[in-house]
Amino acid sequence: MGIVKSKLIKKLADNYPNFLKKDLEKLTDIFFEEIKIALKSNKRIELRGFAIWSTRIQNERAARNPRTGERLQIPKKKNLHFKMTKELFKKINNE
């Protein structure tokens, strides 16, 4: 189960009642936009105690359509790489 942005904002509003909801919405918009900008410019993002995001280049490759058997050329593209920290891993696994 994932969390949607509106639920994240609601949870923040519940935990921090002194902040206006529109300010929390603006904060989350800025936060996620900065992450997008950094990943787009091939920068690494690190949230200590949580995770690291980075992009990796997947080279061009030959592939095959399983339905038709037709040969395709898949172009070079960026992939998102996610690595959780040891702290998060231990919390998830109750260690």
PDB file of N, CA and C in Angstrom:
ATOM      1  N   MET A   1       0.840  -1.169   0.000  1.00  0.00           N
ATOM      2  CA  MET A   1       0.000   0.000   0.000  1.00  0.00           C
ATOM      3  C   MET A   1       0.889   1.236   0.000  1.00  0.00           C
ATOM      4  N   GLY A   2       0.647   2.128  -0.899  1.00  0.00           N
ATOM      5  CA  GLY A   2       1.409   3.369  -0.977  1.00  0.00           C
ATOM      6  C   GLY A   2       0.701   4.483  -0.238  1.00  0.00           C
ATOM      7  N   ILE A   3       1.330   5.611  -0.254  1.00  0.00           N
ATOM      8  CA  ILE A   3       0.715   6.790   0.354  1.00  0.00           C
ATOM      9  C   ILE A   3       0.574   7.844  -0.734  1.00  0.00           C
ATOM     10  N   VAL A   4      -0.583   8.449  -0.800  1.00  0.00           N
ATOM     11  CA  VAL A   4      -0.817   9.501  -1.781  1.00  0.00           C
ATOM     12  C   VAL A   4      -0.509  10.842  -1.129  1.00  0.00           C
ATOM     13  N   LYS A   5      -0.248  11.821  -1.966  1.00  0.00           N
ATOM     14  CA  LYS A   5       0.166  13.133  -1.486  1.00  0.00           C
ATOM     15  C   LYS A   5      -0.864  13.760  -0.547  1.00  0.00           C
ATOM     16  N   SER A   6      -2.144  13.598  -0.856  1.00  0.00           N
ATOM     17  CA  SER A   6      -3.183  14.197  -0.007  1.00  0.00           C
ATOM     18  C   SER A   6      -3.179  13.580   1.398  1.00  0.00           C
ATOM     19  N   LYS A   7      -2.915  12.278   1.500  1.00  0.00           N
ATOM     20  CA  LYS A   7      -2.849  11.635   2.817  1.00  0.00           C
ATOM     21  C   LYS A   7      -1.609  12.087   3.579  1.00  0.00           C
ATOM     22  N   LEU A   8      -0.507  12.291   2.852  1.00  0.00           N
ATOM     23  CA  LEU A   8       0.718  12.788   3.474  1.00  0.00           C
ATOM     24  C   LEU A   8       0.474  14.182   4.049  1.00  0.00           C
ATOM     25  N   ILE A   9      -0.175  15.038   3.289  1.00  0.00           N
ATOM     26  CA  ILE A   9      -0.474  16.395   3.746  1.00  0.00           C
ATOM     27  C   ILE A   9      -1.414  16.362   4.948  1.00  0.00           C
ATOM     28  N   LYS A  10      -2.414  15.485   4.923  1.00  0.00           N
ATOM     29  CA  LYS A  10      -3.341  15.360   6.052  1.00  0.00           C
ATOM     30  C   LYS A  10      -2.601  14.918   7.304  1.00  0.00           C
ATOM     31  N   LYS A  11      -1.696  13.953   7.149  1.00  0.00           N
ATOM     32  CA  LYS A  11      -0.932  13.462   8.298  1.00  0.00           C
ATOM     33  C   LYS A  11      -0.018  14.563   8.852  1.00  0.00           C
ATOM     34  N   LEU A  12       0.598  15.330   7.965  1.00  0.00           N
ATOM     35  CA  LEU A  12       1.419  16.459   8.410  1.00  0.00           C
ATOM     36  C   LEU A  12       0.567  17.499   9.140  1.00  0.00           C
ATOM     37  N   ALA A  13      -0.616  17.769   8.600  1.00  0.00           N
ATOM     38  CA  ALA A  13      -1.519  18.744   9.227  1.00  0.00           C
ATOM     39  C   ALA A  13      -1.967  18.268  10.613  1.00  0.00           C
ATOM     40  N   ASP A  14      -2.183  16.967  10.756  1.00  0.00           N
ATOM     41  CA  ASP A  14      -2.577  16.417  12.062  1.00  0.00           C
ATOM     42  C   ASP A  14      -1.430  16.518  13.063  1.00  0.00           C
ATOM     43  N   ASN A  15      -0.201  16.264  12.593  1.00  0.00           N
ATOM     44  CA  ASN A  15       0.961  16.289  13.489  1.00  0.00           C
ATOM     45  C   ASN A  15       1.439  17.706  13.795  1.00  0.00           C
ATOM     46  N   TYR A  16       1.206  18.627  12.886  1.00  0.00           N
ATOM     47  CA  TYR A  16       1.633  20.015  13.060  1.00  0.00           C
ATOM     48  C   TYR A  16       0.443  20.955  12.866  1.00  0.00           C
ATOM     49  N   PRO A  17      -0.430  21.056  13.855  1.00  0.00           N
ATOM     50  CA  PRO A  17      -1.656  21.858  13.711  1.00  0.00           C
ATOM     51  C   PRO A  17      -1.395  23.363  13.576  1.00  0.00           C
ATOM     52  N   ASN A  18      -0.207  23.834  13.919  1.00  0.00           N
ATOM     53  CA  ASN A  18       0.090  25.273  13.820  1.00  0.00           C
ATOM     54  C   ASN A  18       0.325  25.711  12.378  1.00  0.00           C
ATOM     55  N   PHE A  19       0.602  24.784  11.484  1.00  0.00           N
ATOM     56  CA  PHE A  19       0.830  25.119  10.085  1.00  0.00           C
ATOM     57  C   PHE A  19      -0.482  25.075   9.314  1.00  0.00           C
ATOM     58  N   LEU A  20      -0.654  26.016   8.417  1.00  0.00           N
ATOM     59  CA  LEU A  20      -1.834  26.006   7.560  1.00  0.00           C
ATOM     60  C   LEU A  20      -1.701  24.890   6.522  1.00  0.00           C
ATOM     61  N   LYS A  21      -2.839  24.323   6.141  1.00  0.00           N
ATOM     62  CA  LYS A  21      -2.830  23.238   5.170  1.00  0.00           C
ATOM     63  C   LYS A  21      -2.241  23.692   3.830  1.00  0.00           C
ATOM     64  N   LYS A  22      -2.548  24.909   3.407  1.00  0.00           N
ATOM     65  CA  LYS A  22      -2.022  25.402   2.126  1.00  0.00           C
ATOM     66  C   LYS A  22      -0.503  25.555   2.179  1.00  0.00           C
ATOM     67  N   ASP A  23       0.052  25.889   3.358  1.00  0.00           N
ATOM     68  CA  ASP A  23       1.505  25.975   3.506  1.00  0.00           C
ATOM     69  C   ASP A  23       2.147  24.592   3.419  1.00  0.00           C
ATOM     70  N   LEU A  24       1.487  23.603   4.008  1.00  0.00           N
ATOM     71  CA  LEU A  24       1.999  22.235   3.938  1.00  0.00           C
ATOM     72  C   LEU A  24       1.932  21.705   2.508  1.00  0.00           C
ATOM     73  N   GLU A  25       0.881  22.062   1.783  1.00  0.00           N
ATOM     74  CA  GLU A  25       0.778  21.661   0.374  1.00  0.00           C
ATOM     75  C   GLU A  25       1.918  22.273  -0.431  1.00  0.00           C
ATOM     76  N   LYS A  26       2.183  23.552  -0.196  1.00  0.00           N
ATOM     77  CA  LYS A  26       3.271  24.246  -0.893  1.00  0.00           C
ATOM     78  C   LYS A  26       4.624  23.609  -0.550  1.00  0.00           C
ATOM     79  N   LEU A  27       4.809  23.269   0.710  1.00  0.00           N
ATOM     80  CA  LEU A  27       6.040  22.618   1.161  1.00  0.00           C
ATOM     81  C   LEU A  27       6.266  21.289   0.446  1.00  0.00           C
ATOM     82  N   THR A  28       5.239  20.463   0.389  1.00  0.00           N
ATOM     83  CA  THR A  28       5.395  19.164  -0.283  1.00  0.00           C
ATOM     84  C   THR A  28       5.610  19.351  -1.781  1.00  0.00           C
ATOM     85  N   ASP A  29       4.939  20.323  -2.389  1.00  0.00           N
ATOM     86  CA  ASP A  29       5.155  20.600  -3.817  1.00  0.00           C
ATOM     87  C   ASP A  29       6.604  20.987  -4.080  1.00  0.00           C
ATOM     88  N   ILE A  30       7.140  21.881  -3.256  1.00  0.00           N
ATOM     89  CA  ILE A  30       8.530  22.318  -3.412  1.00  0.00           C
ATOM     90  C   ILE A  30       9.481  21.138  -3.200  1.00  0.00           C
ATOM     91  N   PHE A  31       9.233  20.342  -2.171  1.00  0.00           N
ATOM     92  CA  PHE A  31      10.077  19.188  -1.857  1.00  0.00           C
ATOM     93  C   PHE A  31      10.158  18.222  -3.035  1.00  0.00           C
ATOM     94  N   PHE A  32       8.999  17.827  -3.559  1.00  0.00           N
ATOM     95  CA  PHE A  32       8.990  16.861  -4.658  1.00  0.00           C
ATOM     96  C   PHE A  32       9.524  17.467  -5.955  1.00  0.00           C
ATOM     97  N   GLU A  33       9.294  18.740  -6.172  1.00  0.00           N
ATOM     98  CA  GLU A  33       9.817  19.403  -7.369  1.00  0.00           C
ATOM     99  C   GLU A  33      11.344  19.463  -7.332  1.00  0.00           C
ATOM    100  N   GLU A  34      11.908  19.739  -6.174  1.00  0.00           N
ATOM    101  CA  GLU A  34      13.366  19.761  -6.035  1.00  0.00           C
ATOM    102  C   GLU A  34      13.967  18.376  -6.278  1.00  0.00           C
ATOM    103  N   ILE A  35      13.286  17.337  -5.818  1.00  0.00           N
ATOM    104  CA  ILE A  35      13.747  15.968  -6.087  1.00  0.00           C
ATOM    105  C   ILE A  35      13.727  15.699  -7.585  1.00  0.00           C
ATOM    106  N   LYS A  36      12.656  16.084  -8.264  1.00  0.00           N
ATOM    107  CA  LYS A  36      12.556  15.883  -9.715  1.00  0.00           C
ATOM    108  C   LYS A  36      13.666  16.619 -10.456  1.00  0.00           C
ATOM    109  N   ILE A  37      13.909  17.860 -10.075  1.00  0.00           N
ATOM    110  CA  ILE A  37      14.939  18.667 -10.739  1.00  0.00           C
ATOM    111  C   ILE A  37      16.319  18.037 -10.554  1.00  0.00           C
ATOM    112  N   ALA A  38      16.613  17.596  -9.338  1.00  0.00           N
ATOM    113  CA  ALA A  38      17.912  16.987  -9.057  1.00  0.00           C
ATOM    114  C   ALA A  38      18.101  15.695  -9.856  1.00  0.00           C
ATOM    115  N   LEU A  39      17.073  14.856  -9.896  1.00  0.00           N
ATOM    116  CA  LEU A  39      17.187  13.597 -10.638  1.00  0.00           C
ATOM    117  C   LEU A  39      17.308  13.855 -12.133  1.00  0.00           C
ATOM    118  N   LYS A  40      16.608  14.846 -12.626  1.00  0.00           N
ATOM    119  CA  LYS A  40      16.679  15.174 -14.043  1.00  0.00           C
ATOM    120  C   LYS A  40      18.076  15.634 -14.439  1.00  0.00           C
ATOM    121  N   SER A  41      18.777  16.306 -13.522  1.00  0.00           N
ATOM    122  CA  SER A  41      20.137  16.760 -13.818  1.00  0.00           C
ATOM    123  C   SER A  41      21.194  15.770 -13.320  1.00  0.00           C
ATOM    124  N   ASN A  42      20.794  14.513 -13.142  1.00  0.00           N
ATOM    125  CA  ASN A  42      21.691  13.396 -12.786  1.00  0.00           C
ATOM    126  C   ASN A  42      22.388  13.566 -11.443  1.00  0.00           C
ATOM    127  N   LYS A  43      21.762  14.254 -10.516  1.00  0.00           N
ATOM    128  CA  LYS A  43      22.329  14.398  -9.181  1.00  0.00           C
ATOM    129  C   LYS A  43      21.787  13.308  -8.270  1.00  0.00           C
ATOM    130  N   ARG A  44      22.534  13.022  -7.244  1.00  0.00           N
ATOM    131  CA  ARG A  44      22.154  12.010  -6.262  1.00  0.00           C
ATOM    132  C   ARG A  44      21.415  12.702  -5.116  1.00  0.00           C
ATOM    133  N   ILE A  45      20.362  12.077  -4.623  1.00  0.00           N
ATOM    134  CA  ILE A  45      19.576  12.619  -3.520  1.00  0.00           C
ATOM    135  C   ILE A  45      19.721  11.679  -2.332  1.00  0.00           C
ATOM    136  N   GLU A  46      20.062  12.247  -1.197  1.00  0.00           N
ATOM    137  CA  GLU A  46      20.245  11.440   0.006  1.00  0.00           C
ATOM    138  C   GLU A  46      19.452  12.044   1.152  1.00  0.00           C
ATOM    139  N   LEU A  47      18.536  11.262   1.707  1.00  0.00           N
ATOM    140  CA  LEU A  47      17.829  11.641   2.931  1.00  0.00           C
ATOM    141  C   LEU A  47      18.382  10.736   4.025  1.00  0.00           C
ATOM    142  N   ARG A  48      19.251  11.279   4.834  1.00  0.00           N
ATOM    143  CA  ARG A  48      19.943  10.484   5.852  1.00  0.00           C
ATOM    144  C   ARG A  48      18.945   9.745   6.728  1.00  0.00           C
ATOM    145  N   GLY A  49      19.233   8.486   6.955  1.00  0.00           N
ATOM    146  CA  GLY A  49      18.367   7.652   7.773  1.00  0.00           C
ATOM    147  C   GLY A  49      17.181   7.083   7.016  1.00  0.00           C
ATOM    148  N   PHE A  50      17.052   7.428   5.738  1.00  0.00           N
ATOM    149  CA  PHE A  50      15.921   6.918   4.960  1.00  0.00           C
ATOM    150  C   PHE A  50      16.379   6.232   3.684  1.00  0.00           C
ATOM    151  N   ALA A  51      16.837   7.005   2.687  1.00  0.00           N
ATOM    152  CA  ALA A  51      17.159   6.386   1.404  1.00  0.00           C
ATOM    153  C   ALA A  51      18.033   7.286   0.540  1.00  0.00           C
ATOM    154  N   ILE A  52      18.520   6.680  -0.544  1.00  0.00           N
ATOM    155  CA  ILE A  52      19.299   7.382  -1.561  1.00  0.00           C
ATOM    156  C   ILE A  52      18.640   7.097  -2.907  1.00  0.00           C
ATOM    157  N   TRP A  53      18.428   8.159  -3.684  1.00  0.00           N
ATOM    158  CA  TRP A  53      17.926   8.025  -5.048  1.00  0.00           C
ATOM    159  C   TRP A  53      19.000   8.523  -6.001  1.00  0.00           C
ATOM    160  N   SER A  54      19.126   7.846  -7.118  1.00  0.00           N
ATOM    161  CA  SER A  54      20.037   8.305  -8.164  1.00  0.00           C
ATOM    162  C   SER A  54      19.526   7.774  -9.496  1.00  0.00           C
ATOM    163  N   THR A  55      20.075   8.317 -10.577  1.00  0.00           N
ATOM    164  CA  THR A  55      19.694   7.825 -11.902  1.00  0.00           C
ATOM    165  C   THR A  55      20.853   7.028 -12.469  1.00  0.00           C
ATOM    166  N   ARG A  56      20.510   6.043 -13.253  1.00  0.00           N
ATOM    167  CA  ARG A  56      21.494   5.232 -13.953  1.00  0.00           C
ATOM    168  C   ARG A  56      21.076   5.150 -15.418  1.00  0.00           C
ATOM    169  N   ILE A  57      22.055   5.092 -16.286  1.00  0.00           N
ATOM    170  CA  ILE A  57      21.794   5.025 -17.723  1.00  0.00           C
ATOM    171  C   ILE A  57      21.669   3.566 -18.144  1.00  0.00           C
ATOM    172  N   GLN A  58      20.577   3.260 -18.811  1.00  0.00           N
ATOM    173  CA  GLN A  58      20.406   1.928 -19.411  1.00  0.00           C
ATOM    174  C   GLN A  58      20.704   2.087 -20.899  1.00  0.00           C
ATOM    175  N   ASN A  59      21.711   1.385 -21.369  1.00  0.00           N
ATOM    176  CA  ASN A  59      22.143   1.513 -22.762  1.00  0.00           C
ATOM    177  C   ASN A  59      21.097   0.986 -23.740  1.00  0.00           C
ATOM    178  N   GLU A  60      21.236   1.424 -24.973  1.00  0.00           N
ATOM    179  CA  GLU A  60      20.367   0.953 -26.042  1.00  0.00           C
ATOM    180  C   GLU A  60      20.550  -0.561 -26.177  1.00  0.00           C
ATOM    181  N   ARG A  61      19.455  -1.259 -26.504  1.00  0.00           N
ATOM    182  CA  ARG A  61      19.556  -2.719 -26.620  1.00  0.00           C
ATOM    183  C   ARG A  61      18.526  -3.244 -27.608  1.00  0.00           C
ATOM    184  N   ALA A  62      18.790  -4.438 -28.076  1.00  0.00           N
ATOM    185  CA  ALA A  62      17.852  -5.111 -28.968  1.00  0.00           C
ATOM    186  C   ALA A  62      16.873  -5.917 -28.121  1.00  0.00           C
ATOM    187  N   ALA A  63      15.619  -5.943 -28.514  1.00  0.00           N
ATOM    188  CA  ALA A  63      14.592  -6.693 -27.799  1.00  0.00           C
ATOM    189  C   ALA A  63      13.644  -7.321 -28.810  1.00  0.00           C
ATOM    190  N   ARG A  64      12.679  -8.082 -28.298  1.00  0.00           N
ATOM    191  CA  ARG A  64      11.723  -8.755 -29.156  1.00  0.00           C
ATOM    192  C   ARG A  64      10.338  -8.617 -28.556  1.00  0.00           C
ATOM    193  N   ASN A  65       9.357  -8.300 -29.399  1.00  0.00           N
ATOM    194  CA  ASN A  65       7.964  -8.242 -28.969  1.00  0.00           C
ATOM    195  C   ASN A  65       7.493  -9.679 -28.793  1.00  0.00           C
ATOM    196  N   PRO A  66       7.122 -10.096 -27.577  1.00  0.00           N
ATOM    197  CA  PRO A  66       6.741 -11.495 -27.354  1.00  0.00           C
ATOM    198  C   PRO A  66       5.469 -11.920 -28.092  1.00  0.00           C
ATOM    199  N   ARG A  67       4.589 -10.970 -28.362  1.00  0.00           N
ATOM    200  CA  ARG A  67       3.336 -11.294 -29.034  1.00  0.00           C
ATOM    201  C   ARG A  67       3.542 -11.560 -30.522  1.00  0.00           C
ATOM    202  N   THR A  68       4.336 -10.699 -31.173  1.00  0.00           N
ATOM    203  CA  THR A  68       4.498 -10.813 -32.625  1.00  0.00           C
ATOM    204  C   THR A  68       5.837 -11.397 -33.045  1.00  0.00           C
ATOM    205  N   GLY A  69       6.815 -11.397 -32.130  1.00  0.00           N
ATOM    206  CA  GLY A  69       8.143 -11.881 -32.468  1.00  0.00           C
ATOM    207  C   GLY A  69       8.978 -10.836 -33.205  1.00  0.00           C
ATOM    208  N   GLU A  70       8.426  -9.655 -33.397  1.00  0.00           N
ATOM    209  CA  GLU A  70       9.117  -8.589 -34.117  1.00  0.00           C
ATOM    210  C   GLU A  70      10.310  -8.080 -33.301  1.00  0.00           C
ATOM    211  N   ARG A  71      11.429  -7.856 -33.987  1.00  0.00           N
ATOM    212  CA  ARG A  71      12.626  -7.305 -33.350  1.00  0.00           C
ATOM    213  C   ARG A  71      12.462  -5.794 -33.179  1.00  0.00           C
ATOM    214  N   LEU A  72      12.852  -5.299 -31.989  1.00  0.00           N
ATOM    215  CA  LEU A  72      12.758  -3.888 -31.674  1.00  0.00           C
ATOM    216  C   LEU A  72      14.105  -3.390 -31.172  1.00  0.00           C
ATOM    217  N   GLN A  73      14.336  -2.112 -31.319  1.00  0.00           N
ATOM    218  CA  GLN A  73      15.520  -1.480 -30.752  1.00  0.00           C
ATOM    219  C   GLN A  73      15.048  -0.555 -29.639  1.00  0.00           C
ATOM    220  N   ILE A  74      15.415  -0.862 -28.396  1.00  0.00           N
ATOM    221  CA  ILE A  74      15.030  -0.055 -27.248  1.00  0.00           C
ATOM    222  C   ILE A  74      16.076   1.052 -27.093  1.00  0.00           C
ATOM    223  N   PRO A  75      15.664   2.315 -27.090  1.00  0.00           N
ATOM    224  CA  PRO A  75      16.641   3.418 -27.001  1.00  0.00           C
ATOM    225  C   PRO A  75      17.260   3.536 -25.602  1.00  0.00           C
ATOM    226  N   LYS A  76      18.373   4.253 -25.536  1.00  0.00           N
ATOM    227  CA  LYS A  76      19.043   4.525 -24.271  1.00  0.00           C
ATOM    228  C   LYS A  76      18.109   5.369 -23.408  1.00  0.00           C
ATOM    229  N   LYS A  77      18.081   5.086 -22.082  1.00  0.00           N
ATOM    230  CA  LYS A  77      17.196   5.834 -21.186  1.00  0.00           C
ATOM    231  C   LYS A  77      17.766   5.856 -19.776  1.00  0.00           C
ATOM    232  N   LYS A  78      17.201   6.743 -18.958  1.00  0.00           N
ATOM    233  CA  LYS A  78      17.577   6.837 -17.550  1.00  0.00           C
ATOM    234  C   LYS A  78      16.628   5.971 -16.725  1.00  0.00           C
ATOM    235  N   ASN A  79      17.182   5.286 -15.744  1.00  0.00           N
ATOM    236  CA  ASN A  79      16.385   4.532 -14.790  1.00  0.00           C
ATOM    237  C   ASN A  79      16.624   5.092 -13.399  1.00  0.00           C
ATOM    238  N   LEU A  80      15.618   5.033 -12.573  1.00  0.00           N
ATOM    239  CA  LEU A  80      15.720   5.504 -11.204  1.00  0.00           C
ATOM    240  C   LEU A  80      16.230   4.364 -10.334  1.00  0.00           C
ATOM    241  N   HIS A  81      17.221   4.661  -9.505  1.00  0.00           N
ATOM    242  CA  HIS A  81      17.777   3.675  -8.583  1.00  0.00           C
ATOM    243  C   HIS A  81      17.465   4.126  -7.162  1.00  0.00           C
ATOM    244  N   PHE A  82      16.924   3.219  -6.343  1.00  0.00           N
ATOM    245  CA  PHE A  82      16.561   3.500  -4.962  1.00  0.00           C
ATOM    246  C   PHE A  82      17.330   2.544  -4.062  1.00  0.00           C
ATOM    247  N   LYS A  83      17.956   3.090  -3.033  1.00  0.00           N
ATOM    248  CA  LYS A  83      18.641   2.243  -2.063  1.00  0.00           C
ATOM    249  C   LYS A  83      18.291   2.739  -0.672  1.00  0.00           C
ATOM    250  N   MET A  84      17.705   1.863   0.133  1.00  0.00           N
ATOM    251  CA  MET A  84      17.352   2.269   1.492  1.00  0.00           C
ATOM    252  C   MET A  84      18.573   2.172   2.392  1.00  0.00           C
ATOM    253  N   THR A  85      18.559   2.960   3.461  1.00  0.00           N
ATOM    254  CA  THR A  85      19.671   2.928   4.405  1.00  0.00           C
ATOM    255  C   THR A  85      19.541   1.707   5.306  1.00  0.00           C
ATOM    256  N   LYS A  86      20.626   1.387   5.982  1.00  0.00           N
ATOM    257  CA  LYS A  86      20.614   0.251   6.910  1.00  0.00           C
ATOM    258  C   LYS A  86      19.621   0.491   8.044  1.00  0.00           C
ATOM    259  N   GLU A  87      19.498   1.752   8.473  1.00  0.00           N
ATOM    260  CA  GLU A  87      18.550   2.086   9.542  1.00  0.00           C
ATOM    261  C   GLU A  87      17.122   1.744   9.143  1.00  0.00           C
ATOM    262  N   LEU A  88      16.730   2.134   7.941  1.00  0.00           N
ATOM    263  CA  LEU A  88      15.381   1.840   7.455  1.00  0.00           C
ATOM    264  C   LEU A  88      15.193   0.340   7.281  1.00  0.00           C
ATOM    265  N   PHE A  89      16.212  -0.326   6.762  1.00  0.00           N
ATOM    266  CA  PHE A  89      16.153  -1.777   6.576  1.00  0.00           C
ATOM    267  C   PHE A  89      15.902  -2.477   7.918  1.00  0.00           C
ATOM    268  N   LYS A  90      16.612  -2.033   8.952  1.00  0.00           N
ATOM    269  CA  LYS A  90      16.440  -2.649  10.275  1.00  0.00           C
ATOM    270  C   LYS A  90      15.051  -2.375  10.838  1.00  0.00           C
ATOM    271  N   LYS A  91      14.520  -1.151  10.638  1.00  0.00           N
ATOM    272  CA  LYS A  91      13.170  -0.841  11.116  1.00  0.00           C
ATOM    273  C   LYS A  91      12.121  -1.697  10.422  1.00  0.00           C
ATOM    274  N   ILE A  92      12.276  -1.858   9.115  1.00  0.00           N
ATOM    275  CA  ILE A  92      11.309  -2.650   8.355  1.00  0.00           C
ATOM    276  C   ILE A  92      11.339  -4.101   8.782  1.00  0.00           C
ATOM    277  N   ASN A  93      12.526  -4.619   9.057  1.00  0.00           N
ATOM    278  CA  ASN A  93      12.697  -6.029   9.404  1.00  0.00           C
ATOM    279  C   ASN A  93      12.720  -6.296  10.900  1.00  0.00           C
ATOM    280  N   ASN A  94      12.332  -5.312  11.697  1.00  0.00           N
ATOM    281  CA  ASN A  94      12.240  -5.449  13.168  1.00  0.00           C
ATOM    282  C   ASN A  94      13.528  -5.962  13.804  1.00  0.00           C
ATOM    283  N   GLU A  95      14.653  -5.431  13.359  1.00  0.00           N
ATOM    284  CA  GLU A  95      15.935  -5.868  13.935  1.00  0.00           C
ATOM    285  C   GLU A  95      16.367  -4.922  15.019  1.00  0.00           C
TER     286      GLU A  95
END
